[in-house]
Amino acid sequence: MLRSGIKPDRLTYPFVLKSMAGLFSTELGMAIHCMVLRCGIELDSFVRVSLVDMYVKVEKLGSAFKVFDESPERFDSGSSALLWNVLIKGCCKAGSMKKAVKLFKAMPKKENVSWSTLIDGFAKNGDMDRAMELFDQMPEKNVVSWTTLVDGFSRNGDGEKALSMFSKMLEEGVRPNAFTIVSALSACAKIGALEAGLRIHKYIKDNGLHLTEALGTALVDMYAKCGNIESACEVFGETEQKSIRTWTVMIWGWAIHGNSEQAIACFKQMMFAGVTFFGCNSIQFTSFFFFFFQFTLIPFNCFAILENLSLSYLQV
């Protein structure tokens, strides 16, 4: 584009900055920032949000605050919420919860997403007491805020509380989304709550929810960890879109239940189905084979199996 003599504008830079953040390229991101300044579009609201977001994602919180502090529209209650939310999320990600709370309190207008962002920050930093306290203070709760709390309790090892919040959510008439249900099923799996898992599965069926890859995988995982490998296999068969994680959970389920032959057969089916390891990093790839060979308890020629895999599987 630049070689062709075409000048980027306010609509171009946000996409370029997003790419820099995805590449975790601080130097290139700063170079694009300099180009923005030379073009004189640094005061554009979308460009400034993209700059803050880029600096947050490359872990340059100081630079993100500098851009934020230089934003004249940050105290405009009508259009600045996104700018504040991006920086609050960045502070939470960096573990700077005091800065996140200070920003939240200074916001000219707090939207639902602002509350949920801070709740999620406390949850991911392991402070569920503060997350719950903030949740209780919310003037209006929606599916996102409920889901954030259910997921937070589940991730922090309090499966019973996660399921309690999920039940309360349903009692309040809030319809859960797929991510809410996945979080609740994860809680069931962690504490072996098969009865609760069965009720959630019934909810999925009764409400005609499509068995997506995420829902199918969560159900397979729940049934396998709760001791019902037959139901896990049934759901696995009903799940049309299977990812590498779906296959892995099913193989793992057969293996931990002592069904080595079924685990091996499932592994072969996965290869024949053309499932690749694209999207898996080297650690995930190694972990897959580690638990597979650990739990199948049958001697294998690992190299022979790897030779049967397409070399594309090994690209990371």
C-alpha atoms as a PDB file:
ATOM      1  CA  MET A   1       0.000   0.000   0.000  1.00  0.00           C
ATOM      2  CA  LEU A   2       2.752   2.430   0.979  1.00  0.00           C
ATOM      3  CA  ARG A   3       4.895   1.389  -2.011  1.00  0.00           C
ATOM      4  CA  SER A   4       1.953   2.175  -4.266  1.00  0.00           C
ATOM      5  CA  GLY A   5       1.870   5.706  -2.892  1.00  0.00           C
ATOM      6  CA  ILE A   6      -1.481   5.257  -1.170  1.00  0.00           C
ATOM      7  CA  LYS A   7      -1.665   6.997   2.171  1.00  0.00           C
ATOM      8  CA  PRO A   8      -3.338   5.156   5.055  1.00  0.00           C
ATOM      9  CA  ASP A   9      -6.115   7.019   6.852  1.00  0.00           C
ATOM     10  CA  ARG A  10      -8.030   6.841  10.148  1.00  0.00           C
ATOM     11  CA  LEU A  11      -9.778   3.663   8.987  1.00  0.00           C
ATOM     12  CA  THR A  12      -6.544   1.911   8.018  1.00  0.00           C
ATOM     13  CA  TYR A  13      -4.478   2.359  11.166  1.00  0.00           C
ATOM     14  CA  PRO A  14      -6.780   0.504  13.610  1.00  0.00           C
ATOM     15  CA  PHE A  15      -6.417  -2.674  11.527  1.00  0.00           C
ATOM     16  CA  VAL A  16      -2.649  -2.268  11.281  1.00  0.00           C
ATOM     17  CA  LEU A  17      -2.363  -1.669  15.032  1.00  0.00           C
ATOM     18  CA  LYS A  18      -4.487  -4.743  15.702  1.00  0.00           C
ATOM     19  CA  SER A  19      -2.054  -6.774  13.592  1.00  0.00           C
ATOM     20  CA  MET A  20       0.910  -5.384  15.510  1.00  0.00           C
ATOM     21  CA  ALA A  21      -0.745  -6.412  18.776  1.00  0.00           C
ATOM     22  CA  GLY A  22      -1.415  -9.892  17.398  1.00  0.00           C
ATOM     23  CA  LEU A  23       2.249 -10.217  16.420  1.00  0.00           C
ATOM     24  CA  PHE A  24       3.323  -8.843  19.811  1.00  0.00           C
ATOM     25  CA  SER A  25       5.586  -6.473  17.912  1.00  0.00           C
ATOM     26  CA  THR A  26       6.331  -3.525  20.197  1.00  0.00           C
ATOM     27  CA  GLU A  27       8.865  -1.900  17.855  1.00  0.00           C
ATOM     28  CA  LEU A  28       6.577  -2.020  14.816  1.00  0.00           C
ATOM     29  CA  GLY A  29       3.672  -0.804  16.943  1.00  0.00           C
ATOM     30  CA  MET A  30       5.675   2.206  18.078  1.00  0.00           C
ATOM     31  CA  ALA A  31       6.691   2.881  14.463  1.00  0.00           C
ATOM     32  CA  ILE A  32       3.022   2.879  13.429  1.00  0.00           C
ATOM     33  CA  HIS A  33       2.316   5.247  16.338  1.00  0.00           C
ATOM     34  CA  CYS A  34       4.918   7.634  14.900  1.00  0.00           C
ATOM     35  CA  MET A  35       3.231   7.437  11.498  1.00  0.00           C
ATOM     36  CA  VAL A  36      -0.092   8.270  13.142  1.00  0.00           C
ATOM     37  CA  LEU A  37       1.455  11.358  14.718  1.00  0.00           C
ATOM     38  CA  ARG A  38       2.974  12.466  11.404  1.00  0.00           C
ATOM     39  CA  CYS A  39      -0.406  12.046   9.688  1.00  0.00           C
ATOM     40  CA  GLY A  40      -2.059  14.216  12.347  1.00  0.00           C
ATOM     41  CA  ILE A  41      -4.853  11.746  13.123  1.00  0.00           C
ATOM     42  CA  GLU A  42      -3.775  10.904  16.657  1.00  0.00           C
ATOM     43  CA  LEU A  43      -6.879  12.600  18.094  1.00  0.00           C
ATOM     44  CA  ASP A  44      -9.278  10.360  16.190  1.00  0.00           C
ATOM     45  CA  SER A  45     -11.207   8.344  18.767  1.00  0.00           C
ATOM     46  CA  PHE A  46     -10.940   4.994  16.947  1.00  0.00           C
ATOM     47  CA  VAL A  47      -7.224   5.420  16.368  1.00  0.00           C
ATOM     48  CA  ARG A  48      -6.623   6.300  20.011  1.00  0.00           C
ATOM     49  CA  VAL A  49      -8.577   3.287  21.257  1.00  0.00           C
ATOM     50  CA  SER A  50      -6.544   1.108  18.886  1.00  0.00           C
ATOM     51  CA  LEU A  51      -3.301   2.627  20.161  1.00  0.00           C
ATOM     52  CA  VAL A  52      -4.228   1.998  23.794  1.00  0.00           C
ATOM     53  CA  ASP A  53      -5.328  -1.532  22.936  1.00  0.00           C
ATOM     54  CA  MET A  54      -2.082  -2.218  21.064  1.00  0.00           C
ATOM     55  CA  TYR A  55       0.097  -0.997  23.942  1.00  0.00           C
ATOM     56  CA  VAL A  56      -1.954  -3.012  26.438  1.00  0.00           C
ATOM     57  CA  LYS A  57      -1.549  -6.205  24.403  1.00  0.00           C
ATOM     58  CA  VAL A  58       2.219  -5.772  23.974  1.00  0.00           C
ATOM     59  CA  GLU A  59       2.413  -5.200  27.740  1.00  0.00           C
ATOM     60  CA  LYS A  60       3.456  -1.554  27.602  1.00  0.00           C
ATOM     61  CA  LEU A  61       0.964  -0.290  30.178  1.00  0.00           C
ATOM     62  CA  GLY A  62       2.885   2.951  30.733  1.00  0.00           C
ATOM     63  CA  SER A  63       2.588   3.875  27.045  1.00  0.00           C
ATOM     64  CA  ALA A  64      -1.089   2.927  27.099  1.00  0.00           C
ATOM     65  CA  PHE A  65      -1.682   5.326  30.012  1.00  0.00           C
ATOM     66  CA  LYS A  66       0.252   8.073  28.211  1.00  0.00           C
ATOM     67  CA  VAL A  67      -1.993   7.814  25.142  1.00  0.00           C
ATOM     68  CA  PHE A  68      -5.046   7.645  27.405  1.00  0.00           C
ATOM     69  CA  ASP A  69      -4.021  10.747  29.393  1.00  0.00           C
ATOM     70  CA  GLU A  70      -3.533  12.665  26.149  1.00  0.00           C
ATOM     71  CA  SER A  71      -7.048  11.800  24.960  1.00  0.00           C
ATOM     72  CA  PRO A  72      -9.252  14.907  25.257  1.00  0.00           C
ATOM     73  CA  GLU A  73     -12.445  12.861  24.885  1.00  0.00           C
ATOM     74  CA  ARG A  74     -11.780  10.592  27.868  1.00  0.00           C
ATOM     75  CA  PHE A  75     -14.208  12.531  30.093  1.00  0.00           C
ATOM     76  CA  ASP A  76     -16.928  12.603  27.452  1.00  0.00           C
ATOM     77  CA  SER A  77     -19.583  10.324  28.956  1.00  0.00           C
ATOM     78  CA  GLY A  78     -21.130   9.701  25.561  1.00  0.00           C
ATOM     79  CA  SER A  79     -18.220   8.246  23.587  1.00  0.00           C
ATOM     80  CA  SER A  80     -15.316   7.386  25.878  1.00  0.00           C
ATOM     81  CA  ALA A  81     -16.500   4.147  27.493  1.00  0.00           C
ATOM     82  CA  LEU A  82     -14.580   1.909  25.085  1.00  0.00           C
ATOM     83  CA  LEU A  83     -11.324   3.766  25.755  1.00  0.00           C
ATOM     84  CA  TRP A  84     -11.743   3.330  29.528  1.00  0.00           C
ATOM     85  CA  ASN A  85     -12.764  -0.320  29.230  1.00  0.00           C
ATOM     86  CA  VAL A  86      -9.731  -1.207  27.105  1.00  0.00           C
ATOM     87  CA  LEU A  87      -7.363   0.317  29.653  1.00  0.00           C
ATOM     88  CA  ILE A  88      -9.178  -1.231  32.629  1.00  0.00           C
ATOM     89  CA  LYS A  89      -8.920  -4.633  30.951  1.00  0.00           C
ATOM     90  CA  GLY A  90      -5.216  -4.010  30.354  1.00  0.00           C
ATOM     91  CA  CYS A  91      -4.646  -3.200  34.016  1.00  0.00           C
ATOM     92  CA  CYS A  92      -6.509  -6.352  35.052  1.00  0.00           C
ATOM     93  CA  LYS A  93      -4.443  -8.458  32.662  1.00  0.00           C
ATOM     94  CA  ALA A  94      -1.253  -7.001  34.121  1.00  0.00           C
ATOM     95  CA  GLY A  95      -2.489  -7.695  37.656  1.00  0.00           C
ATOM     96  CA  SER A  96      -2.630  -3.984  38.479  1.00  0.00           C
ATOM     97  CA  MET A  97      -6.016  -4.140  40.169  1.00  0.00           C
ATOM     98  CA  LYS A  98      -5.519  -0.936  42.167  1.00  0.00           C
ATOM     99  CA  LYS A  99      -5.049   0.997  38.922  1.00  0.00           C
ATOM    100  CA  ALA A 100      -8.050  -0.782  37.401  1.00  0.00           C
ATOM    101  CA  VAL A 101     -10.270   0.162  40.361  1.00  0.00           C
ATOM    102  CA  LYS A 102      -9.013   3.757  40.285  1.00  0.00           C
ATOM    103  CA  LEU A 103      -9.885   4.002  36.582  1.00  0.00           C
ATOM    104  CA  PHE A 104     -13.279   2.389  37.158  1.00  0.00           C
ATOM    105  CA  LYS A 105     -14.165   4.876  39.892  1.00  0.00           C
ATOM    106  CA  ALA A 106     -13.066   7.810  37.711  1.00  0.00           C
ATOM    107  CA  MET A 107     -15.159   6.748  34.710  1.00  0.00           C
ATOM    108  CA  PRO A 108     -17.705   9.396  33.674  1.00  0.00           C
ATOM    109  CA  LYS A 109     -20.213   6.661  32.834  1.00  0.00           C
ATOM    110  CA  LYS A 110     -20.055   3.002  33.861  1.00  0.00           C
ATOM    111  CA  GLU A 111     -21.643   0.562  31.438  1.00  0.00           C
ATOM    112  CA  ASN A 112     -22.432  -3.111  32.084  1.00  0.00           C
ATOM    113  CA  VAL A 113     -19.309  -4.124  30.181  1.00  0.00           C
ATOM    114  CA  SER A 114     -17.232  -1.904  32.505  1.00  0.00           C
ATOM    115  CA  TRP A 115     -18.557  -3.709  35.576  1.00  0.00           C
ATOM    116  CA  SER A 116     -18.059  -7.124  33.959  1.00  0.00           C
ATOM    117  CA  THR A 117     -14.505  -6.248  32.899  1.00  0.00           C
ATOM    118  CA  LEU A 118     -13.509  -5.390  36.462  1.00  0.00           C
ATOM    119  CA  ILE A 119     -15.319  -8.439  37.893  1.00  0.00           C
ATOM    120  CA  ASP A 120     -13.453 -10.610  35.396  1.00  0.00           C
ATOM    121  CA  GLY A 121     -10.194  -8.925  36.421  1.00  0.00           C
ATOM    122  CA  PHE A 122     -10.702  -9.772  40.100  1.00  0.00           C
ATOM    123  CA  ALA A 123     -11.707 -13.330  39.171  1.00  0.00           C
ATOM    124  CA  LYS A 124      -8.638 -13.904  37.011  1.00  0.00           C
ATOM    125  CA  ASN A 125      -6.458 -12.533  39.784  1.00  0.00           C
ATOM    126  CA  GLY A 126      -8.021 -14.963  42.255  1.00  0.00           C
ATOM    127  CA  ASP A 127     -10.001 -12.477  44.340  1.00  0.00           C
ATOM    128  CA  MET A 128     -13.528 -13.861  44.149  1.00  0.00           C
ATOM    129  CA  ASP A 129     -14.631 -12.009  47.293  1.00  0.00           C
ATOM    130  CA  ARG A 130     -14.049  -8.664  45.565  1.00  0.00           C
ATOM    131  CA  ALA A 131     -15.580 -10.001  42.348  1.00  0.00           C
ATOM    132  CA  MET A 132     -18.744 -11.022  44.229  1.00  0.00           C
ATOM    133  CA  GLU A 133     -18.853  -7.721  46.093  1.00  0.00           C
ATOM    134  CA  LEU A 134     -18.682  -5.803  42.824  1.00  0.00           C
ATOM    135  CA  PHE A 135     -21.296  -8.055  41.242  1.00  0.00           C
ATOM    136  CA  ASP A 136     -23.703  -7.336  44.115  1.00  0.00           C
ATOM    137  CA  GLN A 137     -23.209  -3.598  43.581  1.00  0.00           C
ATOM    138  CA  MET A 138     -24.119  -3.725  39.878  1.00  0.00           C
ATOM    139  CA  PRO A 139     -27.240  -1.656  39.187  1.00  0.00           C
ATOM    140  CA  GLU A 140     -28.255  -4.014  36.340  1.00  0.00           C
ATOM    141  CA  LYS A 141     -26.986  -7.521  35.731  1.00  0.00           C
ATOM    142  CA  ASN A 142     -27.009  -9.234  32.344  1.00  0.00           C
ATOM    143  CA  VAL A 143     -25.914 -12.590  30.946  1.00  0.00           C
ATOM    144  CA  VAL A 144     -22.316 -11.382  30.567  1.00  0.00           C
ATOM    145  CA  SER A 145     -21.952 -10.388  34.211  1.00  0.00           C
ATOM    146  CA  TRP A 146     -23.552 -13.636  35.419  1.00  0.00           C
ATOM    147  CA  THR A 147     -21.340 -15.685  33.094  1.00  0.00           C
ATOM    148  CA  THR A 148     -18.235 -13.852  34.284  1.00  0.00           C
ATOM    149  CA  LEU A 149     -19.023 -14.788  37.871  1.00  0.00           C
ATOM    150  CA  VAL A 150     -19.919 -18.431  37.121  1.00  0.00           C
ATOM    151  CA  ASP A 151     -16.710 -18.824  35.116  1.00  0.00           C
ATOM    152  CA  GLY A 152     -14.700 -17.063  37.813  1.00  0.00           C
ATOM    153  CA  PHE A 153     -15.810 -19.424  40.574  1.00  0.00           C
ATOM    154  CA  SER A 154     -15.247 -22.432  38.324  1.00  0.00           C
ATOM    155  CA  ARG A 155     -11.733 -21.356  37.357  1.00  0.00           C
ATOM    156  CA  ASN A 156     -10.842 -20.632  40.969  1.00  0.00           C
ATOM    157  CA  GLY A 157     -11.786 -24.128  42.107  1.00  0.00           C
ATOM    158  CA  ASP A 158     -15.130 -23.372  43.767  1.00  0.00           C
ATOM    159  CA  GLY A 159     -17.367 -25.555  41.621  1.00  0.00           C
ATOM    160  CA  GLU A 160     -20.221 -25.630  44.114  1.00  0.00           C
ATOM    161  CA  LYS A 161     -20.438 -21.831  44.206  1.00  0.00           C
ATOM    162  CA  ALA A 162     -20.242 -21.702  40.405  1.00  0.00           C
ATOM    163  CA  LEU A 163     -23.209 -24.072  40.120  1.00  0.00           C
ATOM    164  CA  SER A 164     -25.065 -22.165  42.823  1.00  0.00           C
ATOM    165  CA  MET A 165     -24.664 -18.927  40.836  1.00  0.00           C
ATOM    166  CA  PHE A 166     -25.743 -20.714  37.651  1.00  0.00           C
ATOM    167  CA  SER A 167     -28.931 -21.952  39.360  1.00  0.00           C
ATOM    168  CA  LYS A 168     -29.621 -18.489  40.766  1.00  0.00           C
ATOM    169  CA  MET A 169     -29.142 -17.026  37.305  1.00  0.00           C
ATOM    170  CA  LEU A 170     -31.822 -19.334  35.915  1.00  0.00           C
ATOM    171  CA  GLU A 171     -34.140 -18.507  38.833  1.00  0.00           C
ATOM    172  CA  GLU A 172     -33.781 -14.801  38.023  1.00  0.00           C
ATOM    173  CA  GLY A 173     -34.932 -15.506  34.473  1.00  0.00           C
ATOM    174  CA  VAL A 174     -31.595 -14.763  32.805  1.00  0.00           C
ATOM    175  CA  ARG A 175     -31.051 -17.013  29.777  1.00  0.00           C
ATOM    176  CA  PRO A 176     -27.496 -18.411  29.753  1.00  0.00           C
ATOM    177  CA  ASN A 177     -25.381 -18.358  26.607  1.00  0.00           C
ATOM    178  CA  ALA A 178     -23.120 -21.157  25.386  1.00  0.00           C
ATOM    179  CA  PHE A 179     -20.159 -19.847  27.356  1.00  0.00           C
ATOM    180  CA  THR A 180     -22.208 -19.797  30.587  1.00  0.00           C
ATOM    181  CA  ILE A 181     -23.184 -23.431  30.071  1.00  0.00           C
ATOM    182  CA  VAL A 182     -19.615 -24.472  29.256  1.00  0.00           C
ATOM    183  CA  SER A 183     -18.425 -22.803  32.487  1.00  0.00           C
ATOM    184  CA  ALA A 184     -21.133 -24.575  34.507  1.00  0.00           C
ATOM    185  CA  LEU A 185     -20.273 -27.934  32.925  1.00  0.00           C
ATOM    186  CA  SER A 186     -16.608 -27.322  33.714  1.00  0.00           C
ATOM    187  CA  ALA A 187     -17.578 -26.807  37.364  1.00  0.00           C
ATOM    188  CA  CYS A 188     -19.516 -30.098  37.308  1.00  0.00           C
ATOM    189  CA  ALA A 189     -16.500 -31.904  35.877  1.00  0.00           C
ATOM    190  CA  LYS A 190     -14.148 -30.519  38.523  1.00  0.00           C
ATOM    191  CA  ILE A 191     -16.247 -31.619  41.510  1.00  0.00           C
ATOM    192  CA  GLY A 192     -17.822 -34.735  40.003  1.00  0.00           C
ATOM    193  CA  ALA A 193     -21.350 -33.303  40.114  1.00  0.00           C
ATOM    194  CA  LEU A 194     -23.012 -35.741  37.710  1.00  0.00           C
ATOM    195  CA  GLU A 195     -26.596 -34.900  38.757  1.00  0.00           C
ATOM    196  CA  ALA A 196     -26.024 -31.200  38.106  1.00  0.00           C
ATOM    197  CA  GLY A 197     -24.400 -32.084  34.786  1.00  0.00           C
ATOM    198  CA  LEU A 198     -27.421 -34.169  33.799  1.00  0.00           C
ATOM    199  CA  ARG A 199     -29.735 -31.240  34.589  1.00  0.00           C
ATOM    200  CA  ILE A 200     -27.630 -28.909  32.460  1.00  0.00           C
ATOM    201  CA  HIS A 201     -27.627 -31.430  29.599  1.00  0.00           C
ATOM    202  CA  LYS A 202     -31.433 -31.625  29.896  1.00  0.00           C
ATOM    203  CA  TYR A 203     -31.589 -27.804  29.773  1.00  0.00           C
ATOM    204  CA  ILE A 204     -29.585 -27.878  26.530  1.00  0.00           C
ATOM    205  CA  LYS A 205     -31.984 -30.404  24.987  1.00  0.00           C
ATOM    206  CA  ASP A 206     -35.176 -28.767  26.274  1.00  0.00           C
ATOM    207  CA  ASN A 207     -34.156 -25.386  24.909  1.00  0.00           C
ATOM    208  CA  GLY A 208     -33.087 -26.734  21.531  1.00  0.00           C
ATOM    209  CA  LEU A 209     -29.518 -25.505  21.817  1.00  0.00           C
ATOM    210  CA  HIS A 210     -27.262 -26.646  19.005  1.00  0.00           C
ATOM    211  CA  LEU A 211     -24.485 -28.957  20.149  1.00  0.00           C
ATOM    212  CA  THR A 212     -21.538 -26.814  19.109  1.00  0.00           C
ATOM    213  CA  GLU A 213     -17.910 -27.895  19.384  1.00  0.00           C
ATOM    214  CA  ALA A 214     -17.558 -26.056  22.693  1.00  0.00           C
ATOM    215  CA  LEU A 215     -20.766 -27.475  24.224  1.00  0.00           C
ATOM    216  CA  GLY A 216     -20.087 -30.979  22.942  1.00  0.00           C
ATOM    217  CA  THR A 217     -16.537 -30.979  24.291  1.00  0.00           C
ATOM    218  CA  ALA A 218     -17.681 -29.665  27.678  1.00  0.00           C
ATOM    219  CA  LEU A 219     -20.351 -32.376  27.942  1.00  0.00           C
ATOM    220  CA  VAL A 220     -17.918 -35.145  26.953  1.00  0.00           C
ATOM    221  CA  ASP A 221     -15.424 -33.850  29.509  1.00  0.00           C
ATOM    222  CA  MET A 222     -18.079 -33.637  32.235  1.00  0.00           C
ATOM    223  CA  TYR A 223     -19.425 -37.144  31.650  1.00  0.00           C
ATOM    224  CA  ALA A 224     -15.933 -38.659  31.432  1.00  0.00           C
ATOM    225  CA  LYS A 225     -14.767 -37.018  34.664  1.00  0.00           C
ATOM    226  CA  CYS A 226     -18.005 -37.873  36.459  1.00  0.00           C
ATOM    227  CA  GLY A 227     -17.645 -41.568  35.619  1.00  0.00           C
ATOM    228  CA  ASN A 228     -20.261 -41.928  32.870  1.00  0.00           C
ATOM    229  CA  ILE A 229     -18.081 -42.831  29.890  1.00  0.00           C
ATOM    230  CA  GLU A 230     -21.039 -44.284  27.948  1.00  0.00           C
ATOM    231  CA  SER A 231     -22.845 -40.918  27.933  1.00  0.00           C
ATOM    232  CA  ALA A 232     -19.555 -39.211  27.057  1.00  0.00           C
ATOM    233  CA  CYS A 233     -19.235 -41.487  24.014  1.00  0.00           C
ATOM    234  CA  GLU A 234     -22.864 -40.833  23.035  1.00  0.00           C
ATOM    235  CA  VAL A 235     -22.445 -37.050  23.167  1.00  0.00           C
ATOM    236  CA  PHE A 236     -19.150 -37.351  21.278  1.00  0.00           C
ATOM    237  CA  GLY A 237     -20.995 -39.123  18.466  1.00  0.00           C
ATOM    238  CA  GLU A 238     -23.691 -36.430  18.414  1.00  0.00           C
ATOM    239  CA  THR A 239     -21.170 -33.589  18.195  1.00  0.00           C
ATOM    240  CA  GLU A 240     -20.838 -32.799  14.485  1.00  0.00           C
ATOM    241  CA  GLN A 241     -17.969 -30.321  14.718  1.00  0.00           C
ATOM    242  CA  LYS A 242     -15.098 -31.910  16.590  1.00  0.00           C
ATOM    243  CA  SER A 243     -11.865 -30.048  17.315  1.00  0.00           C
ATOM    244  CA  ILE A 244      -8.549 -31.545  18.421  1.00  0.00           C
ATOM    245  CA  ARG A 245      -9.690 -30.811  21.977  1.00  0.00           C
ATOM    246  CA  THR A 246     -12.937 -32.774  21.501  1.00  0.00           C
ATOM    247  CA  TRP A 247     -11.010 -35.819  20.284  1.00  0.00           C
ATOM    248  CA  THR A 248      -8.422 -35.433  23.043  1.00  0.00           C
ATOM    249  CA  VAL A 249     -11.066 -35.328  25.779  1.00  0.00           C
ATOM    250  CA  MET A 250     -12.747 -38.464  24.405  1.00  0.00           C
ATOM    251  CA  ILE A 251      -9.461 -40.365  24.104  1.00  0.00           C
ATOM    252  CA  TRP A 252      -8.483 -39.245  27.587  1.00  0.00           C
ATOM    253  CA  GLY A 253     -11.903 -40.338  28.895  1.00  0.00           C
ATOM    254  CA  TRP A 254     -11.524 -43.851  27.494  1.00  0.00           C
ATOM    255  CA  ALA A 255      -7.968 -44.053  28.838  1.00  0.00           C
ATOM    256  CA  ILE A 256      -8.692 -43.020  32.440  1.00  0.00           C
ATOM    257  CA  HIS A 257     -11.527 -45.543  32.568  1.00  0.00           C
ATOM    258  CA  GLY A 258      -9.098 -48.302  31.622  1.00  0.00           C
ATOM    259  CA  ASN A 259     -10.488 -48.765  28.101  1.00  0.00           C
ATOM    260  CA  SER A 260      -7.157 -48.827  26.276  1.00  0.00           C
ATOM    261  CA  GLU A 261      -8.467 -50.411  23.096  1.00  0.00           C
ATOM    262  CA  GLN A 262     -11.244 -47.822  22.719  1.00  0.00           C
ATOM    263  CA  ALA A 263      -8.720 -45.026  23.340  1.00  0.00           C
ATOM    264  CA  ILE A 264      -6.464 -46.376  20.597  1.00  0.00           C
ATOM    265  CA  ALA A 265      -9.396 -46.872  18.222  1.00  0.00           C
ATOM    266  CA  CYS A 266     -10.537 -43.292  18.850  1.00  0.00           C
ATOM    267  CA  PHE A 267      -7.021 -42.027  18.207  1.00  0.00           C
ATOM    268  CA  LYS A 268      -6.940 -43.872  14.856  1.00  0.00           C
ATOM    269  CA  GLN A 269     -10.362 -42.461  13.950  1.00  0.00           C
ATOM    270  CA  MET A 270      -9.036 -38.988  14.672  1.00  0.00           C
ATOM    271  CA  MET A 271      -6.132 -39.520  12.260  1.00  0.00           C
ATOM    272  CA  PHE A 272      -8.385 -40.972   9.561  1.00  0.00           C
ATOM    273  CA  ALA A 273     -10.769 -38.015   9.996  1.00  0.00           C
ATOM    274  CA  GLY A 274      -7.903 -35.729   8.968  1.00  0.00           C
ATOM    275  CA  VAL A 275      -7.834 -33.806  12.241  1.00  0.00           C
ATOM    276  CA  THR A 276      -4.687 -31.707  12.344  1.00  0.00           C
ATOM    277  CA  PHE A 277      -2.755 -30.097  15.139  1.00  0.00           C
ATOM    278  CA  PHE A 278      -2.960 -26.633  13.582  1.00  0.00           C
ATOM    279  CA  GLY A 279      -3.516 -24.108  16.358  1.00  0.00           C
ATOM    280  CA  CYS A 280      -1.702 -26.276  18.907  1.00  0.00           C
ATOM    281  CA  ASN A 281       1.643 -25.077  20.188  1.00  0.00           C
ATOM    282  CA  SER A 282       4.537 -27.460  20.836  1.00  0.00           C
ATOM    283  CA  ILE A 283       3.605 -27.840  24.515  1.00  0.00           C
ATOM    284  CA  GLN A 284       0.015 -28.829  23.706  1.00  0.00           C
ATOM    285  CA  PHE A 285       1.210 -31.247  21.029  1.00  0.00           C
ATOM    286  CA  THR A 286       3.706 -32.904  23.400  1.00  0.00           C
ATOM    287  CA  SER A 287       1.129 -33.056  26.205  1.00  0.00           C
ATOM    288  CA  PHE A 288      -1.343 -34.836  23.927  1.00  0.00           C
ATOM    289  CA  PHE A 289       1.061 -37.670  23.203  1.00  0.00           C
ATOM    290  CA  PHE A 290       2.333 -37.774  26.769  1.00  0.00           C
ATOM    291  CA  PHE A 291      -1.014 -38.547  28.353  1.00  0.00           C
ATOM    292  CA  PHE A 292      -2.028 -40.784  25.452  1.00  0.00           C
ATOM    293  CA  PHE A 293       0.921 -43.117  25.838  1.00  0.00           C
ATOM    294  CA  GLN A 294       0.867 -42.802  29.622  1.00  0.00           C
ATOM    295  CA  PHE A 295      -2.736 -43.958  30.023  1.00  0.00           C
ATOM    296  CA  THR A 296      -3.114 -46.505  27.231  1.00  0.00           C
ATOM    297  CA  LEU A 297      -0.683 -48.822  29.077  1.00  0.00           C
ATOM    298  CA  ILE A 298       0.120 -50.701  25.858  1.00  0.00           C
ATOM    299  CA  PRO A 299       3.626 -50.655  24.325  1.00  0.00           C
ATOM    300  CA  PHE A 300       3.730 -48.653  21.111  1.00  0.00           C
ATOM    301  CA  ASN A 301       6.270 -47.626  18.576  1.00  0.00           C
ATOM    302  CA  CYS A 302       5.796 -43.864  18.962  1.00  0.00           C
ATOM    303  CA  PHE A 303       7.926 -43.131  15.914  1.00  0.00           C
ATOM    304  CA  ALA A 304       5.818 -45.374  13.692  1.00  0.00           C
ATOM    305  CA  ILE A 305       2.676 -43.521  14.770  1.00  0.00           C
ATOM    306  CA  LEU A 306       4.279 -40.137  14.236  1.00  0.00           C
ATOM    307  CA  GLU A 307       5.395 -41.215  10.760  1.00  0.00           C
ATOM    308  CA  ASN A 308       1.762 -41.951   9.914  1.00  0.00           C
ATOM    309  CA  LEU A 309       0.803 -38.429  10.843  1.00  0.00           C
ATOM    310  CA  SER A 310       1.004 -35.726   8.200  1.00  0.00           C
ATOM    311  CA  LEU A 311       4.022 -33.494   8.696  1.00  0.00           C
ATOM    312  CA  SER A 312       1.598 -30.589   8.712  1.00  0.00           C
ATOM    313  CA  TYR A 313       0.463 -31.758  12.169  1.00  0.00           C
ATOM    314  CA  LEU A 314       3.819 -30.810  13.546  1.00  0.00           C
ATOM    315  CA  GLN A 315       3.755 -27.217  12.325  1.00  0.00           C
ATOM    316  CA  VAL A 316       3.451 -24.827  15.252  1.00  0.00           C
END
